[in-house]
């Protein structure tokens, strides 16, 4: 990597607003919420393809469960002041 690029990047990550695991939870929650949001459109796009519509619906239900689980874990971390 050129020296100028290294100099521009040498301090990235020195200050952390959150612990890595907290950042991971927030990032993953955001990704899964976006997935649920997109799956509504995929279900609508499947129109008359029952198999595909069922697949997207099942995937959406799984992601909704994952969102609920992750929110509960995050709430426990917050309650324990480790967030």
N, C-alpha and C. Protein backbone atom coordinates (compact mmCIF):
# COMPACT_ATOMS: atom_id res chain seq x y z
N UNK A 1 0.84 -1.17 0.00
CA UNK A 1 0.00 0.00 0.00
C UNK A 1 0.89 1.24 0.00
N UNK A 2 0.58 2.23 -0.82
CA UNK A 2 1.39 3.44 -0.85
C UNK A 2 1.39 4.15 0.50
N UNK A 3 2.47 4.84 0.79
CA UNK A 3 2.65 5.52 2.08
C UNK A 3 1.54 6.53 2.34
N UNK A 4 1.11 7.28 1.33
CA UNK A 4 0.05 8.29 1.51
C UNK A 4 -1.25 7.63 1.96
N UNK A 5 -1.58 6.49 1.39
CA UNK A 5 -2.80 5.77 1.76
C UNK A 5 -2.67 5.24 3.18
N UNK A 6 -1.52 4.69 3.52
CA UNK A 6 -1.30 4.20 4.87
C UNK A 6 -1.45 5.32 5.89
N UNK A 7 -0.93 6.50 5.58
CA UNK A 7 -1.03 7.64 6.49
C UNK A 7 -2.48 8.05 6.69
N UNK A 8 -3.28 7.98 5.65
CA UNK A 8 -4.69 8.34 5.74
C UNK A 8 -5.49 7.34 6.58
N UNK A 9 -5.01 6.12 6.66
CA UNK A 9 -5.76 5.07 7.33
C UNK A 9 -5.16 4.63 8.66
N UNK A 10 -4.06 5.22 9.07
CA UNK A 10 -3.35 4.70 10.24
C UNK A 10 -4.13 4.82 11.54
N UNK A 11 -5.11 5.73 11.62
CA UNK A 11 -5.84 5.92 12.88
C UNK A 11 -7.26 5.37 12.84
N UNK A 12 -7.65 4.77 11.73
CA UNK A 12 -9.00 4.21 11.64
C UNK A 12 -9.15 3.10 12.67
N UNK A 13 -10.21 3.18 13.43
CA UNK A 13 -10.52 2.14 14.41
C UNK A 13 -9.90 2.35 15.77
N UNK A 14 -9.16 3.42 15.98
CA UNK A 14 -8.56 3.66 17.30
C UNK A 14 -9.61 3.94 18.36
N UNK A 15 -10.61 4.69 18.00
CA UNK A 15 -11.67 5.02 18.94
C UNK A 15 -12.90 4.21 18.60
N UNK A 16 -13.40 3.52 19.58
CA UNK A 16 -14.59 2.70 19.36
C UNK A 16 -15.72 3.27 20.20
N UNK A 17 -16.84 3.53 19.55
CA UNK A 17 -18.01 4.02 20.26
C UNK A 17 -18.71 2.89 21.00
N UNK A 18 -18.49 1.68 20.54
CA UNK A 18 -19.12 0.49 21.13
C UNK A 18 -18.13 -0.67 21.12
N UNK A 19 -18.41 -1.63 21.96
CA UNK A 19 -17.65 -2.88 21.89
C UNK A 19 -17.99 -3.57 20.57
N UNK A 20 -17.08 -4.36 20.08
CA UNK A 20 -17.30 -5.04 18.79
C UNK A 20 -18.58 -5.86 18.78
N UNK A 21 -18.87 -6.58 19.87
CA UNK A 21 -20.06 -7.42 19.86
C UNK A 21 -21.34 -6.57 19.83
N UNK A 22 -21.31 -5.38 20.43
CA UNK A 22 -22.48 -4.50 20.38
C UNK A 22 -22.69 -3.96 18.96
N UNK A 23 -21.61 -3.56 18.34
CA UNK A 23 -21.68 -3.10 16.95
C UNK A 23 -22.17 -4.21 16.04
N UNK A 24 -21.71 -5.43 16.29
CA UNK A 24 -22.14 -6.57 15.49
C UNK A 24 -23.65 -6.77 15.59
N UNK A 25 -24.17 -6.67 16.82
CA UNK A 25 -25.61 -6.86 17.01
C UNK A 25 -26.41 -5.79 16.27
N UNK A 26 -25.99 -4.54 16.38
CA UNK A 26 -26.69 -3.45 15.70
C UNK A 26 -26.64 -3.63 14.19
N UNK A 27 -25.48 -3.96 13.69
CA UNK A 27 -25.31 -4.16 12.25
C UNK A 27 -26.20 -5.31 11.75
N UNK A 28 -26.17 -6.41 12.48
CA UNK A 28 -26.95 -7.58 12.06
C UNK A 28 -28.45 -7.32 12.16
N UNK A 29 -28.87 -6.62 13.19
CA UNK A 29 -30.29 -6.27 13.32
C UNK A 29 -30.73 -5.44 12.12
N UNK A 30 -29.94 -4.48 11.75
CA UNK A 30 -30.26 -3.63 10.61
C UNK A 30 -30.37 -4.45 9.33
N UNK A 31 -29.44 -5.36 9.12
CA UNK A 31 -29.46 -6.20 7.91
C UNK A 31 -30.72 -7.07 7.87
N UNK A 32 -31.08 -7.63 9.02
CA UNK A 32 -32.24 -8.51 9.05
C UNK A 32 -33.55 -7.75 8.91
N UNK A 33 -33.62 -6.54 9.46
CA UNK A 33 -34.81 -5.71 9.27
C UNK A 33 -34.96 -5.36 7.79
N UNK A 34 -33.87 -5.02 7.15
CA UNK A 34 -33.90 -4.74 5.71
C UNK A 34 -34.36 -5.97 4.92
N UNK A 35 -33.89 -7.14 5.33
CA UNK A 35 -34.28 -8.37 4.63
C UNK A 35 -35.78 -8.58 4.72
N UNK A 36 -36.36 -8.39 5.90
CA UNK A 36 -37.81 -8.55 6.06
C UNK A 36 -38.54 -7.58 5.14
N UNK A 37 -38.06 -6.36 5.11
CA UNK A 37 -38.67 -5.32 4.29
C UNK A 37 -38.63 -5.71 2.81
N UNK A 38 -37.50 -6.23 2.34
CA UNK A 38 -37.38 -6.65 0.95
C UNK A 38 -38.22 -7.89 0.65
N UNK A 39 -38.33 -8.77 1.60
CA UNK A 39 -39.08 -10.01 1.37
C UNK A 39 -40.55 -9.75 1.07
N UNK A 40 -41.12 -8.69 1.61
CA UNK A 40 -42.49 -8.33 1.26
C UNK A 40 -42.62 -8.13 -0.25
N UNK A 41 -41.63 -7.48 -0.83
CA UNK A 41 -41.68 -7.25 -2.28
C UNK A 41 -41.46 -8.55 -3.04
N UNK A 42 -40.55 -9.40 -2.54
CA UNK A 42 -40.31 -10.68 -3.21
C UNK A 42 -41.58 -11.53 -3.22
N UNK A 43 -42.31 -11.50 -2.11
CA UNK A 43 -43.57 -12.25 -2.02
C UNK A 43 -44.56 -11.72 -3.06
N UNK A 44 -44.66 -10.40 -3.14
CA UNK A 44 -45.56 -9.81 -4.13
C UNK A 44 -45.11 -10.13 -5.55
N UNK A 45 -43.83 -10.14 -5.81
CA UNK A 45 -43.30 -10.43 -7.15
C UNK A 45 -43.54 -11.88 -7.56
N UNK A 46 -43.65 -12.77 -6.60
CA UNK A 46 -43.83 -14.19 -6.92
C UNK A 46 -45.20 -14.44 -7.55
N UNK A 47 -46.13 -13.53 -7.34
CA UNK A 47 -47.47 -13.59 -7.89
C UNK A 47 -48.10 -14.97 -7.81
N UNK A 48 -48.17 -15.67 -8.94
CA UNK A 48 -48.90 -16.95 -8.99
C UNK A 48 -48.01 -18.17 -8.78
N UNK A 49 -46.74 -17.96 -8.51
CA UNK A 49 -45.83 -19.09 -8.27
C UNK A 49 -45.91 -19.47 -6.80
N UNK A 50 -46.78 -20.45 -6.51
CA UNK A 50 -47.04 -20.83 -5.11
C UNK A 50 -45.79 -21.28 -4.37
N UNK A 51 -44.97 -22.07 -5.04
CA UNK A 51 -43.76 -22.59 -4.39
C UNK A 51 -42.81 -21.45 -4.01
N UNK A 52 -42.60 -20.54 -4.93
CA UNK A 52 -41.70 -19.43 -4.66
C UNK A 52 -42.28 -18.50 -3.60
N UNK A 53 -43.58 -18.23 -3.69
CA UNK A 53 -44.24 -17.38 -2.70
C UNK A 53 -44.12 -17.99 -1.31
N UNK A 54 -44.30 -19.31 -1.23
CA UNK A 54 -44.17 -20.02 0.05
C UNK A 54 -42.75 -19.92 0.59
N UNK A 55 -41.77 -20.08 -0.29
CA UNK A 55 -40.37 -19.97 0.12
C UNK A 55 -40.09 -18.61 0.72
N UNK A 56 -40.49 -17.52 -0.01
CA UNK A 56 -40.23 -16.17 0.50
C UNK A 56 -40.98 -15.93 1.81
N UNK A 57 -42.18 -16.46 1.92
CA UNK A 57 -42.96 -16.28 3.16
C UNK A 57 -42.30 -16.98 4.34
N UNK A 58 -41.79 -18.18 4.11
CA UNK A 58 -41.10 -18.91 5.17
C UNK A 58 -39.82 -18.18 5.58
N UNK A 59 -39.09 -17.69 4.59
CA UNK A 59 -37.87 -16.95 4.87
C UNK A 59 -38.18 -15.68 5.68
N UNK A 60 -39.25 -15.01 5.32
CA UNK A 60 -39.66 -13.81 6.05
C UNK A 60 -39.98 -14.15 7.51
N UNK A 61 -40.72 -15.23 7.72
CA UNK A 61 -41.06 -15.63 9.10
C UNK A 61 -39.80 -15.96 9.90
N UNK A 62 -38.85 -16.63 9.28
CA UNK A 62 -37.58 -16.94 9.95
C UNK A 62 -36.83 -15.66 10.32
N UNK A 63 -36.78 -14.72 9.40
CA UNK A 63 -36.08 -13.47 9.67
C UNK A 63 -36.79 -12.66 10.75
N UNK A 64 -38.11 -12.68 10.75
CA UNK A 64 -38.85 -11.99 11.80
C UNK A 64 -38.53 -12.60 13.17
N UNK A 65 -38.43 -13.92 13.22
CA UNK A 65 -38.04 -14.59 14.47
C UNK A 65 -36.62 -14.19 14.87
N UNK A 66 -35.72 -14.13 13.90
CA UNK A 66 -34.34 -13.73 14.19
C UNK A 66 -34.28 -12.30 14.74
N UNK A 67 -35.08 -11.41 14.17
CA UNK A 67 -35.13 -10.03 14.65
C UNK A 67 -35.61 -10.00 16.10
N UNK A 68 -36.68 -10.74 16.40
CA UNK A 68 -37.20 -10.79 17.78
C UNK A 68 -36.15 -11.31 18.75
N UNK A 69 -35.49 -12.39 18.36
CA UNK A 69 -34.46 -12.98 19.24
C UNK A 69 -33.32 -12.01 19.49
N UNK A 70 -32.86 -11.37 18.44
CA UNK A 70 -31.74 -10.45 18.58
C UNK A 70 -32.13 -9.24 19.42
N UNK A 71 -33.35 -8.74 19.25
CA UNK A 71 -33.82 -7.61 20.06
C UNK A 71 -33.86 -7.99 21.54
N UNK A 72 -34.26 -9.22 21.85
CA UNK A 72 -34.29 -9.67 23.24
C UNK A 72 -32.87 -9.74 23.82
N UNK A 73 -31.95 -10.25 23.04
CA UNK A 73 -30.56 -10.32 23.49
C UNK A 73 -30.02 -8.92 23.72
N UNK A 74 -30.30 -8.02 22.80
CA UNK A 74 -29.84 -6.64 22.95
C UNK A 74 -30.45 -6.00 24.20
N UNK A 75 -31.72 -6.27 24.45
CA UNK A 75 -32.38 -5.70 25.64
C UNK A 75 -31.71 -6.21 26.91
N UNK A 76 -31.33 -7.47 26.95
CA UNK A 76 -30.64 -8.01 28.13
C UNK A 76 -29.29 -7.34 28.31
N UNK A 77 -28.58 -7.11 27.23
CA UNK A 77 -27.30 -6.41 27.32
C UNK A 77 -27.48 -5.00 27.86
N UNK A 78 -28.50 -4.33 27.39
CA UNK A 78 -28.77 -2.97 27.85
C UNK A 78 -29.14 -2.97 29.34
N UNK A 79 -29.98 -3.91 29.75
CA UNK A 79 -30.38 -4.02 31.17
C UNK A 79 -29.18 -4.23 32.07
N UNK A 80 -28.19 -4.97 31.60
CA UNK A 80 -26.99 -5.26 32.40
C UNK A 80 -25.93 -4.18 32.26
N UNK A 81 -26.27 -3.10 31.56
CA UNK A 81 -25.32 -2.01 31.30
C UNK A 81 -24.06 -2.48 30.59
N UNK A 82 -24.20 -3.47 29.73
CA UNK A 82 -23.03 -3.88 28.96
C UNK A 82 -23.23 -3.57 27.49
N UNK A 83 -23.91 -2.51 27.22
CA UNK A 83 -24.12 -2.09 25.84
C UNK A 83 -23.52 -0.71 25.69
